[in-house]
Amino acid sequence: MGCFDDGSFNVEVENGVMGSISCEEEGNRASIEDAVKILLLGLGEDINREGIRKTPFRVAKALREGTRGYRQKVKDIVQGALFPEAGLDDRVGHAGGAGGLVIVRDLDLFSYCESCMLPFQVKCHVGYVPSSQRVLGLSKLSRVSEVFAKRLQEPQRLADEVCAALHQGINPAGVAIVLHCSHIHFPDLESVFLDSNHQRWLKILVSSGTGVFENKNADEWADFYSLLKFRGINIEKVHVRGSSYQSWCTQSSLSAKVSSKIGPVNPVMATAVASIIKSLGEDPLRQELVGTPSRFVRWLMNFQTSNLDMKLNGFLHSGIDSLKTNGDVNSSDKKLHSDLNLPFWSQCEHHLLPFHGVVHIGYLISDGYIPIGKSTLQSIVHFYGFKLQVQERLTRQIAETISPLLDGDVIVVVEASHTCMISRGIEKFGSSTATIAVLGRFATEHALRASFLESIPSPTSSEGQ
């Protein structure tokens, strides 16, 4: 297919929809697709199976969308968005938006960690003190912040880059940035069995300032924080530019431990990840990115199709052994037993992005029988979680595996947060997905089903923020 005179051509963007992209963009997307195929093959997947067949395309599209900041310029956003507004200049005092502090709070952003390429969420608070009687359209503060968030990033550099870009573009008396960043903490396969209270998110607060905000003790910072205090900002925990803090990316610290279990990193897979980084517009030889391909591969290998040494039959036998009667029972007299909030982690096979949450399992058991051990149920959940998955299939597989142990009367509910919902242009922060599988009497008896569903606790807090 040849290019048009303007260097672009029409391609199928998705589901038969046609769009126009440049020849260079198409070449970069094709390179990412080829690299993703190498990664899937390295996991032992059949790249022609339904559900996986379009994964390279979907991953390439998501990554290109999630890193579009490399192809954007702050100058194009700010130009034409500066407006004259009368106010005090070079005099004592403040006058509203012109000469006084302007803050936009609670901007939800999404980025990719440069250390491991896993996604992280950002709650951004940005402010500036106008000068020369010029103010910036408020929406542009969000758009400039997003330019730098849509790149491979690290929290402090993200804050510094947004701060510097706004200062250069607006030429104000000063700019202040506070970022509340939440990084998904994905466990390795062994630790998830040993630590049932695994922390799902790691959080850090960072700040950056220019002009009147360069001094962290300046009165302007006091004003800024005073307007943020009801947003849950703990000033004592905010890292300022120039301060040192331990890397928040646990994949870096896990690398040595995980590599000893998984084995040496497949160099072909690592090279494929490096090519993805280059196709996104980054330099894979940049110091902070040199180890990223290996870390990404080590994490991805958690979902290798043959990675689980455990035998599912062993779980089932364990479950059967636990269902021993203490005496004669009436098989028609069964009571509802529930095991709630079993944690799980998985990987979306459509976009190669993590999703995680909890599994609730209910079943009927006769008096005198011992319920299935919770550890057995948790092992079954992890058995199906640590694969390339879709939530609907995960729910069904758990139910169908437990069902033979319990005369078929089983209900399974999976509640999950999907990082693909905050990437690739969708950006529905705080959303969650629930799926349900019902077998046996739970499929026909509404009151029984309702009794179990009403026992599921409400989430205590939103994920990530």
Protein backbone atom coordinates (compact mmCIF):
# COMPACT_ATOMS: atom_id res chain seq x y z
CA MET A 1 0.00 0.00 0.00
CA GLY A 2 1.59 3.28 -1.06
CA CYS A 3 1.60 6.61 0.71
CA PHE A 4 -0.43 9.62 -0.40
CA ASP A 5 1.33 12.85 -1.34
CA ASP A 6 1.06 14.11 2.24
CA GLY A 7 2.86 11.03 3.56
CA SER A 8 -0.24 9.29 4.88
CA PHE A 9 -2.59 6.53 3.83
CA ASN A 10 -5.84 4.95 4.91
CA VAL A 11 -5.77 1.90 7.18
CA GLU A 12 -8.29 -0.05 9.18
CA VAL A 13 -8.02 1.52 12.64
CA GLU A 14 -10.25 -1.01 14.43
CA ASN A 15 -13.34 -3.09 13.71
CA GLY A 16 -13.53 -2.02 10.10
CA VAL A 17 -13.25 1.71 10.83
CA MET A 18 -10.96 3.47 8.38
CA GLY A 19 -8.60 6.24 9.35
CA SER A 20 -5.63 8.15 8.00
CA ILE A 21 -2.21 7.93 9.63
CA SER A 22 1.28 8.88 8.50
CA CYS A 23 3.63 6.36 6.93
CA GLU A 24 6.04 6.83 9.87
CA GLU A 25 3.30 6.16 12.42
CA GLU A 26 2.19 3.06 10.54
CA GLY A 27 5.78 1.82 10.47
CA ASN A 28 6.17 2.34 14.22
CA ARG A 29 2.88 0.62 14.93
CA ALA A 30 3.85 -2.33 12.74
CA SER A 31 7.18 -2.61 14.59
CA ILE A 32 5.35 -2.73 17.92
CA GLU A 33 2.98 -5.40 16.60
CA ASP A 34 5.91 -7.55 15.48
CA ALA A 35 7.55 -7.15 18.88
CA VAL A 36 4.35 -8.11 20.71
CA LYS A 37 4.11 -11.29 18.63
CA ILE A 38 7.62 -12.21 19.80
CA LEU A 39 6.58 -11.65 23.42
CA LEU A 40 3.46 -13.79 23.04
CA LEU A 41 5.45 -16.59 21.46
CA GLY A 42 7.94 -16.34 24.30
CA LEU A 43 5.06 -16.89 26.73
CA GLY A 44 4.11 -20.06 24.88
CA GLU A 45 0.92 -18.57 23.43
CA ASP A 46 -0.66 -19.38 20.09
CA ILE A 47 -0.72 -16.03 18.32
CA ASN A 48 -3.45 -17.29 15.99
CA ARG A 49 -5.90 -18.27 18.73
CA GLU A 50 -9.09 -16.25 18.96
CA GLY A 51 -8.73 -13.61 21.65
CA ILE A 52 -4.97 -13.36 21.04
CA ARG A 53 -4.98 -12.91 17.29
CA LYS A 54 -5.61 -9.15 17.44
CA THR A 55 -3.64 -8.58 20.63
CA PRO A 56 -0.53 -7.21 18.83
CA PHE A 57 -2.72 -4.61 17.10
CA ARG A 58 -4.54 -3.68 20.31
CA VAL A 59 -1.33 -3.43 22.34
CA ALA A 60 0.33 -1.25 19.71
CA LYS A 61 -2.68 1.05 19.59
CA ALA A 62 -2.86 1.31 23.39
CA LEU A 63 0.87 2.03 23.76
CA ARG A 64 0.85 4.64 21.01
CA GLU A 65 -2.15 6.34 22.60
CA GLY A 66 -0.67 6.11 26.10
CA THR A 67 2.60 7.73 24.97
CA ARG A 68 1.27 10.30 22.53
CA GLY A 69 3.01 13.03 24.54
CA TYR A 70 6.19 12.31 22.61
CA ARG A 71 4.44 13.62 19.52
CA GLN A 72 3.00 16.76 21.13
CA LYS A 73 4.50 20.19 21.80
CA VAL A 74 3.64 22.50 24.67
CA LYS A 75 4.08 25.54 22.40
CA ASP A 76 1.19 24.40 20.22
CA ILE A 77 -1.07 24.20 23.27
CA VAL A 78 -0.14 27.46 24.98
CA GLN A 79 -0.02 29.66 21.88
CA GLY A 80 -3.33 31.45 21.47
CA ALA A 81 -4.46 30.50 24.98
CA LEU A 82 -2.90 33.41 26.88
CA PHE A 83 -5.35 36.19 27.66
CA PRO A 84 -4.83 39.73 29.00
CA GLU A 85 -6.45 40.27 32.38
CA ALA A 86 -6.09 43.46 34.38
CA GLY A 87 -4.68 43.11 37.88
CA LEU A 88 -2.05 44.28 40.27
CA ASP A 89 1.49 44.23 38.87
CA ASP A 90 4.60 45.34 40.70
CA ARG A 91 2.47 46.45 43.65
CA VAL A 92 1.78 44.96 47.04
CA GLY A 93 -1.20 42.64 47.23
CA HIS A 94 -3.10 40.18 45.09
CA ALA A 95 -5.94 40.76 42.68
CA GLY A 96 -7.90 37.63 41.94
CA GLY A 97 -6.64 35.64 38.98
CA ALA A 98 -4.25 38.32 37.76
CA GLY A 99 -1.51 38.65 40.33
CA GLY A 100 -3.01 36.10 42.71
CA LEU A 101 -2.61 32.34 42.89
CA VAL A 102 -4.49 30.23 40.33
CA ILE A 103 -4.91 26.51 41.07
CA VAL A 104 -6.47 23.64 39.15
CA ARG A 105 -6.89 20.63 41.44
CA ASP A 106 -7.51 16.93 41.07
CA LEU A 107 -6.47 16.41 37.46
CA ASP A 108 -6.56 12.66 36.76
CA LEU A 109 -3.63 11.59 34.60
CA PHE A 110 -2.21 8.26 33.47
CA SER A 111 1.38 7.35 32.66
CA TYR A 112 3.76 4.42 32.17
CA CYS A 113 6.59 3.76 34.63
CA GLU A 114 9.91 4.05 32.84
CA SER A 115 11.45 1.35 35.05
CA CYS A 116 9.00 -1.44 34.28
CA MET A 117 6.48 -0.09 31.69
CA LEU A 118 3.59 -0.85 34.04
CA PRO A 119 0.95 1.88 34.26
CA PHE A 120 0.57 4.33 37.11
CA GLN A 121 -2.08 6.87 38.03
CA VAL A 122 -1.52 10.51 38.90
CA LYS A 123 -3.66 13.00 40.79
CA CYS A 124 -2.20 16.33 39.69
CA HIS A 125 -2.55 19.72 41.39
CA VAL A 126 -1.09 22.61 39.41
CA GLY A 127 -0.94 26.30 40.23
CA TYR A 128 0.75 29.50 39.09
CA VAL A 129 0.96 33.18 39.95
CA PRO A 130 0.27 35.25 36.80
CA SER A 131 2.46 38.19 35.82
CA SER A 132 2.42 40.81 33.07
CA GLN A 133 -1.38 40.71 33.28
CA ARG A 134 -1.50 37.40 31.40
CA VAL A 135 -3.55 34.35 32.36
CA LEU A 136 -3.76 30.97 30.69
CA GLY A 137 -6.97 29.20 29.71
CA LEU A 138 -7.60 26.76 32.57
CA SER A 139 -8.02 23.70 30.37
CA LYS A 140 -4.50 24.24 29.03
CA LEU A 141 -3.02 23.51 32.46
CA SER A 142 -4.48 20.03 32.17
CA ARG A 143 -3.39 19.59 28.56
CA VAL A 144 0.20 20.65 29.23
CA SER A 145 0.36 18.27 32.21
CA GLU A 146 -0.92 15.46 30.02
CA VAL A 147 1.76 16.03 27.36
CA PHE A 148 4.42 14.90 29.83
CA ALA A 149 2.28 12.28 31.56
CA LYS A 150 1.78 10.54 28.22
CA ARG A 151 5.38 9.38 28.14
CA LEU A 152 7.53 6.83 29.95
CA GLN A 153 7.93 8.64 33.23
CA GLU A 154 9.15 8.84 36.81
CA PRO A 155 7.17 10.97 39.32
CA GLN A 156 9.75 13.63 40.16
CA ARG A 157 10.80 14.15 36.56
CA LEU A 158 7.15 14.37 35.53
CA ALA A 159 6.56 17.13 38.10
CA ASP A 160 9.73 18.97 37.05
CA GLU A 161 8.95 18.79 33.33
CA VAL A 162 5.38 20.05 33.73
CA CYS A 163 6.59 22.82 36.01
CA ALA A 164 9.36 23.97 33.66
CA ALA A 165 7.14 23.82 30.56
CA LEU A 166 4.41 25.93 32.15
CA HIS A 167 6.92 28.47 33.44
CA GLN A 168 8.45 28.84 29.99
CA GLY A 169 5.10 28.97 28.24
CA ILE A 170 3.28 31.41 30.55
CA ASN A 171 6.21 33.40 31.95
CA PRO A 172 4.47 33.77 35.32
CA ALA A 173 5.81 34.82 38.71
CA GLY A 174 5.99 31.14 39.60
CA VAL A 175 4.57 27.66 39.01
CA ALA A 176 3.81 24.96 41.59
CA ILE A 177 3.11 21.27 40.98
CA VAL A 178 2.08 18.55 43.42
CA LEU A 179 1.58 15.01 42.16
CA HIS A 180 -0.01 12.12 44.06
CA CYS A 181 1.19 9.04 42.14
CA SER A 182 -0.09 5.47 42.57
CA HIS A 183 1.92 2.59 41.06
CA ILE A 184 0.34 -0.84 40.75
CA HIS A 185 2.31 -3.32 42.88
CA PHE A 186 2.16 -6.60 41.03
CA PRO A 187 3.49 -9.56 43.07
CA ASP A 188 5.62 -12.35 41.74
CA LEU A 189 4.07 -15.79 41.69
CA GLU A 190 5.73 -17.09 44.85
CA SER A 191 5.11 -14.09 47.10
CA VAL A 192 1.41 -13.95 46.27
CA PHE A 193 0.93 -17.33 47.95
CA LEU A 194 2.94 -16.32 51.01
CA ASP A 195 1.48 -12.85 51.53
CA SER A 196 -2.32 -12.72 51.54
CA ASN A 197 -2.19 -9.03 52.55
CA HIS A 198 -0.10 -7.96 49.58
CA GLN A 199 -0.25 -4.19 49.09
CA ARG A 200 -1.75 -3.50 45.67
CA TRP A 201 -0.66 0.10 45.23
CA LEU A 202 2.48 2.00 46.14
CA LYS A 203 2.03 5.75 46.50
CA ILE A 204 4.29 8.77 46.54
CA LEU A 205 3.82 12.55 46.74
CA VAL A 206 6.20 14.80 44.82
CA SER A 207 6.36 18.52 44.17
CA SER A 208 8.17 21.00 42.01
CA GLY A 209 8.27 24.80 41.90
CA THR A 210 9.70 27.67 39.90
CA GLY A 211 9.93 31.41 40.50
CA VAL A 212 8.31 32.37 43.80
CA PHE A 213 7.87 28.64 44.51
CA GLU A 214 11.57 27.76 44.26
CA ASN A 215 11.90 28.18 48.04
CA LYS A 216 9.96 25.31 49.63
CA ASN A 217 9.34 27.50 52.68
CA ALA A 218 7.89 30.40 50.69
CA ASP A 219 4.54 31.87 51.75
CA GLU A 220 3.18 30.98 48.32
CA TRP A 221 3.66 27.29 49.10
CA ALA A 222 1.76 27.78 52.35
CA ASP A 223 -1.13 29.25 50.37
CA PHE A 224 -0.96 26.41 47.86
CA TYR A 225 -1.01 23.68 50.52
CA SER A 226 -3.77 25.44 52.44
CA LEU A 227 -5.99 25.09 49.40
CA LEU A 228 -5.05 21.42 49.06
CA LYS A 229 -5.29 20.28 52.68
CA PHE A 230 -8.85 19.06 52.27
CA ARG A 231 -7.63 16.94 49.34
CA GLY A 232 -5.75 14.63 51.68
CA ILE A 233 -2.30 16.10 51.03
CA ASN A 234 0.12 15.48 53.89
CA ILE A 235 2.77 18.17 53.52
CA GLU A 236 5.29 16.25 55.59
CA LYS A 237 5.24 13.38 53.06
CA VAL A 238 5.76 15.50 49.94
CA HIS A 239 9.11 15.00 48.21
CA VAL A 240 10.52 18.22 46.80
CA ARG A 241 12.81 18.63 43.81
CA GLY A 242 16.37 17.72 44.68
CA SER A 243 15.44 15.45 47.59
CA SER A 244 16.34 11.79 47.39
CA TYR A 245 13.89 8.94 47.79
CA GLN A 246 14.02 5.23 47.17
CA SER A 247 12.71 4.10 43.80
CA TRP A 248 9.02 3.42 44.13
CA CYS A 249 9.09 0.80 41.36
CA THR A 250 9.15 -2.57 43.10
CA GLN A 251 9.92 -4.34 39.83
CA SER A 252 13.47 -3.01 40.14
CA SER A 253 13.96 -4.59 43.57
CA LEU A 254 12.19 -7.77 42.52
CA SER A 255 14.30 -8.29 39.41
CA ALA A 256 17.11 -10.28 41.02
CA LYS A 257 14.77 -12.43 43.10
CA VAL A 258 12.38 -13.11 40.25
CA SER A 259 15.16 -13.84 37.72
CA SER A 260 16.53 -16.58 39.97
CA LYS A 261 13.21 -18.39 39.71
CA ILE A 262 12.30 -17.65 36.12
CA GLY A 263 15.82 -18.04 34.77
CA PRO A 264 17.82 -15.81 32.44
CA VAL A 265 15.85 -13.24 30.48
CA ASN A 266 15.18 -14.33 26.92
CA PRO A 267 17.40 -11.92 24.91
CA VAL A 268 15.04 -12.04 21.92
CA MET A 269 12.14 -10.91 24.11
CA ALA A 270 14.26 -8.17 25.72
CA THR A 271 15.29 -6.91 22.27
CA ALA A 272 11.62 -6.86 21.26
CA VAL A 273 10.78 -4.63 24.25
CA ALA A 274 13.68 -2.31 23.39
CA SER A 275 12.28 -1.98 19.87
CA ILE A 276 8.89 -1.07 21.35
CA ILE A 277 10.48 1.67 23.45
CA LYS A 278 12.22 3.06 20.36
CA SER A 279 9.02 2.94 18.30
CA LEU A 280 7.23 4.97 20.98
CA GLY A 281 9.73 7.80 20.51
CA GLU A 282 12.14 7.09 23.38
CA ASP A 283 15.82 6.26 23.43
CA PRO A 284 16.19 2.72 24.85
CA LEU A 285 19.82 3.55 25.65
CA ARG A 286 18.88 6.39 28.00
CA GLN A 287 20.36 5.53 31.38
CA GLU A 288 17.00 5.17 33.14
CA LEU A 289 15.69 2.83 30.43
CA VAL A 290 18.64 0.47 29.95
CA GLY A 291 17.25 -2.13 32.37
CA THR A 292 13.59 -1.63 31.47
CA PRO A 293 13.33 -4.36 28.77
CA SER A 294 14.66 -7.05 31.13
CA ARG A 295 12.38 -5.93 33.96
CA PHE A 296 9.34 -5.93 31.68
CA VAL A 297 10.14 -9.43 30.39
CA ARG A 298 10.65 -10.79 33.93
CA TRP A 299 7.28 -9.42 34.96
CA LEU A 300 5.59 -10.73 31.82
CA MET A 301 6.99 -14.22 32.38
CA ASN A 302 4.75 -14.53 35.46
CA PHE A 303 2.04 -15.33 32.91
CA GLN A 304 3.90 -17.98 30.98
CA THR A 305 1.43 -20.71 30.00
CA SER A 306 3.50 -23.44 31.68
CA ASN A 307 4.74 -21.27 34.55
CA LEU A 308 2.66 -22.83 37.33
CA ASP A 309 4.38 -25.87 38.85
CA MET A 310 1.35 -26.63 40.98
CA LYS A 311 -1.01 -29.36 39.82
CA LEU A 312 -4.67 -28.48 39.65
CA ASN A 313 -5.58 -32.11 40.35
CA GLY A 314 -3.73 -31.78 43.64
CA PHE A 315 -6.00 -28.90 44.58
CA LEU A 316 -9.09 -30.89 43.69
CA HIS A 317 -7.99 -33.92 45.70
CA SER A 318 -7.23 -31.63 48.60
CA GLY A 319 -10.69 -30.15 48.29
CA ILE A 320 -12.33 -33.58 48.16
CA ASP A 321 -10.40 -34.74 51.22
CA SER A 322 -11.60 -31.71 53.15
CA LEU A 323 -15.26 -32.49 52.45
CA LYS A 324 -15.43 -35.28 54.98
CA THR A 325 -18.58 -35.88 56.95
CA ASN A 326 -18.63 -35.99 60.72
CA GLY A 327 -21.68 -38.26 60.66
CA ASP A 328 -24.91 -38.96 58.84
CA VAL A 329 -26.24 -35.97 56.93
CA ASN A 330 -29.37 -35.08 55.10
CA SER A 331 -28.25 -34.18 51.57
CA SER A 332 -31.34 -32.00 51.04
CA ASP A 333 -30.58 -29.87 54.09
CA LYS A 334 -27.79 -27.64 52.87
CA LYS A 335 -26.64 -24.26 54.08
CA LEU A 336 -24.89 -21.44 52.31
CA HIS A 337 -21.16 -21.11 52.95
CA SER A 338 -19.18 -18.14 51.67
CA ASP A 339 -15.52 -17.28 51.21
CA LEU A 340 -15.20 -13.59 50.38
CA ASN A 341 -12.45 -11.23 49.24
CA LEU A 342 -9.98 -13.76 47.86
CA PRO A 343 -7.39 -11.54 46.11
CA PHE A 344 -6.26 -12.20 42.55
CA TRP A 345 -3.95 -10.67 39.95
CA SER A 346 -4.08 -11.30 36.24
CA GLN A 347 -3.10 -9.99 32.83
CA CYS A 348 -5.57 -8.94 30.15
CA GLU A 349 -4.89 -10.98 27.03
CA HIS A 350 -6.34 -8.24 24.82
CA HIS A 351 -3.97 -5.41 25.80
CA LEU A 352 -1.28 -7.05 27.97
CA LEU A 353 -2.25 -4.74 30.81
CA PRO A 354 -2.79 -5.85 34.43
CA PHE A 355 -6.12 -6.29 36.13
CA HIS A 356 -6.68 -7.30 39.71
CA GLY A 357 -9.33 -7.51 42.37
CA VAL A 358 -11.15 -9.97 44.60
CA VAL A 359 -13.12 -13.19 44.14
CA HIS A 360 -16.19 -14.11 46.20
CA ILE A 361 -17.22 -17.79 46.27
CA GLY A 362 -20.42 -19.22 47.67
CA TYR A 363 -21.60 -22.83 47.78
CA LEU A 364 -24.07 -25.10 49.53
CA ILE A 365 -22.84 -27.60 52.08
CA SER A 366 -24.64 -30.08 54.29
CA ASP A 367 -24.42 -29.98 58.07
CA GLY A 368 -21.61 -32.21 59.21
CA TYR A 369 -19.40 -31.54 56.21
CA ILE A 370 -16.20 -29.54 56.51
CA PRO A 371 -16.02 -26.61 54.05
CA ILE A 372 -13.32 -26.50 51.39
CA GLY A 373 -10.17 -24.98 52.85
CA LYS A 374 -9.79 -21.30 52.02
CA SER A 375 -6.19 -21.90 50.99
CA THR A 376 -7.40 -24.44 48.42
CA LEU A 377 -9.87 -21.95 46.97
CA GLN A 378 -7.18 -19.26 46.93
CA SER A 379 -4.81 -21.60 45.07
CA ILE A 380 -7.46 -22.31 42.43
CA VAL A 381 -8.02 -18.55 42.03
CA HIS A 382 -4.29 -17.95 41.54
CA PHE A 383 -4.01 -20.93 39.18
CA TYR A 384 -6.38 -19.24 36.74
CA GLY A 385 -5.32 -15.68 37.56
CA PHE A 386 -1.67 -16.03 36.60
CA LYS A 387 -2.40 -16.49 32.91
CA LEU A 388 -3.30 -14.23 30.02
CA GLN A 389 -7.00 -13.88 30.80
CA VAL A 390 -10.31 -12.14 30.36
CA GLN A 391 -12.42 -11.61 33.45
CA GLU A 392 -15.45 -13.46 32.12
CA ARG A 393 -13.41 -16.59 31.44
CA LEU A 394 -11.64 -16.37 34.80
CA THR A 395 -15.01 -16.28 36.59
CA ARG A 396 -16.35 -19.27 34.67
CA GLN A 397 -13.19 -21.35 35.11
CA ILE A 398 -13.17 -20.90 38.88
CA ALA A 399 -16.84 -21.89 39.14
CA GLU A 400 -16.51 -24.91 36.87
CA THR A 401 -13.43 -26.16 38.75
CA ILE A 402 -15.08 -25.99 42.17
CA SER A 403 -18.47 -27.26 41.01
CA PRO A 404 -17.62 -31.03 40.88
CA LEU A 405 -16.63 -30.92 44.55
CA LEU A 406 -20.00 -29.55 45.62
CA ASP A 407 -22.69 -31.32 43.62
CA GLY A 408 -22.73 -28.37 41.24
CA ASP A 409 -24.17 -25.70 43.57
CA VAL A 410 -21.69 -22.83 43.20
CA ILE A 411 -21.73 -19.06 42.72
CA VAL A 412 -18.64 -17.00 41.91
CA VAL A 413 -18.39 -13.21 41.71
CA VAL A 414 -15.23 -11.47 40.51
CA GLU A 415 -14.73 -7.74 41.10
CA ALA A 416 -11.78 -6.18 39.30
CA SER A 417 -10.06 -2.97 38.34
CA HIS A 418 -8.63 -2.96 34.80
CA THR A 419 -5.74 -0.69 33.92
CA CYS A 420 -6.90 -0.82 30.29
CA MET A 421 -9.81 1.37 31.47
CA ILE A 422 -7.43 4.22 32.31
CA SER A 423 -5.18 3.87 29.28
CA ARG A 424 -5.59 3.97 25.49
CA GLY A 425 -7.76 7.10 25.54
CA ILE A 426 -10.61 5.74 27.70
CA GLU A 427 -9.36 7.03 31.07
CA LYS A 428 -12.31 6.02 33.22
CA PHE A 429 -10.60 6.41 36.59
CA GLY A 430 -12.14 4.57 39.52
CA SER A 431 -14.26 2.25 37.39
CA SER A 432 -14.56 -1.44 38.24
CA THR A 433 -16.02 -4.53 36.61
CA ALA A 434 -18.07 -7.30 38.21
CA THR A 435 -18.80 -10.68 36.64
CA ILE A 436 -20.84 -13.57 38.00
CA ALA A 437 -21.08 -17.31 37.33
CA VAL A 438 -23.96 -19.35 38.79
CA LEU A 439 -24.32 -23.13 38.70
CA GLY A 440 -26.81 -25.60 40.14
CA ARG A 441 -29.40 -24.24 42.55
CA PHE A 442 -27.86 -20.76 42.41
CA ALA A 443 -28.96 -20.56 38.77
CA THR A 444 -32.61 -21.33 39.56
CA GLU A 445 -33.25 -19.99 43.08
CA HIS A 446 -33.29 -16.20 43.12
CA ALA A 447 -33.59 -15.92 46.92
CA LEU A 448 -30.50 -18.08 47.41
CA ARG A 449 -28.54 -16.05 44.89
CA ALA A 450 -29.69 -12.78 46.46
CA SER A 451 -28.67 -13.97 49.93
CA PHE A 452 -25.11 -14.52 48.77
CA LEU A 453 -24.87 -11.28 46.78
CA GLU A 454 -26.09 -9.27 49.77
CA SER A 455 -23.27 -10.74 51.88
CA ILE A 456 -20.56 -9.28 49.63
CA PRO A 457 -19.03 -6.26 51.42
CA SER A 458 -18.82 -2.87 49.76
CA PRO A 459 -15.33 -1.71 48.82
CA THR A 460 -13.75 0.21 51.68
CA SER A 461 -11.92 2.61 49.39
CA SER A 462 -11.42 3.31 45.71
CA GLU A 463 -8.45 1.66 44.02
CA GLY A 464 -5.38 3.66 43.23
CA GLN A 465 -6.49 7.01 44.64
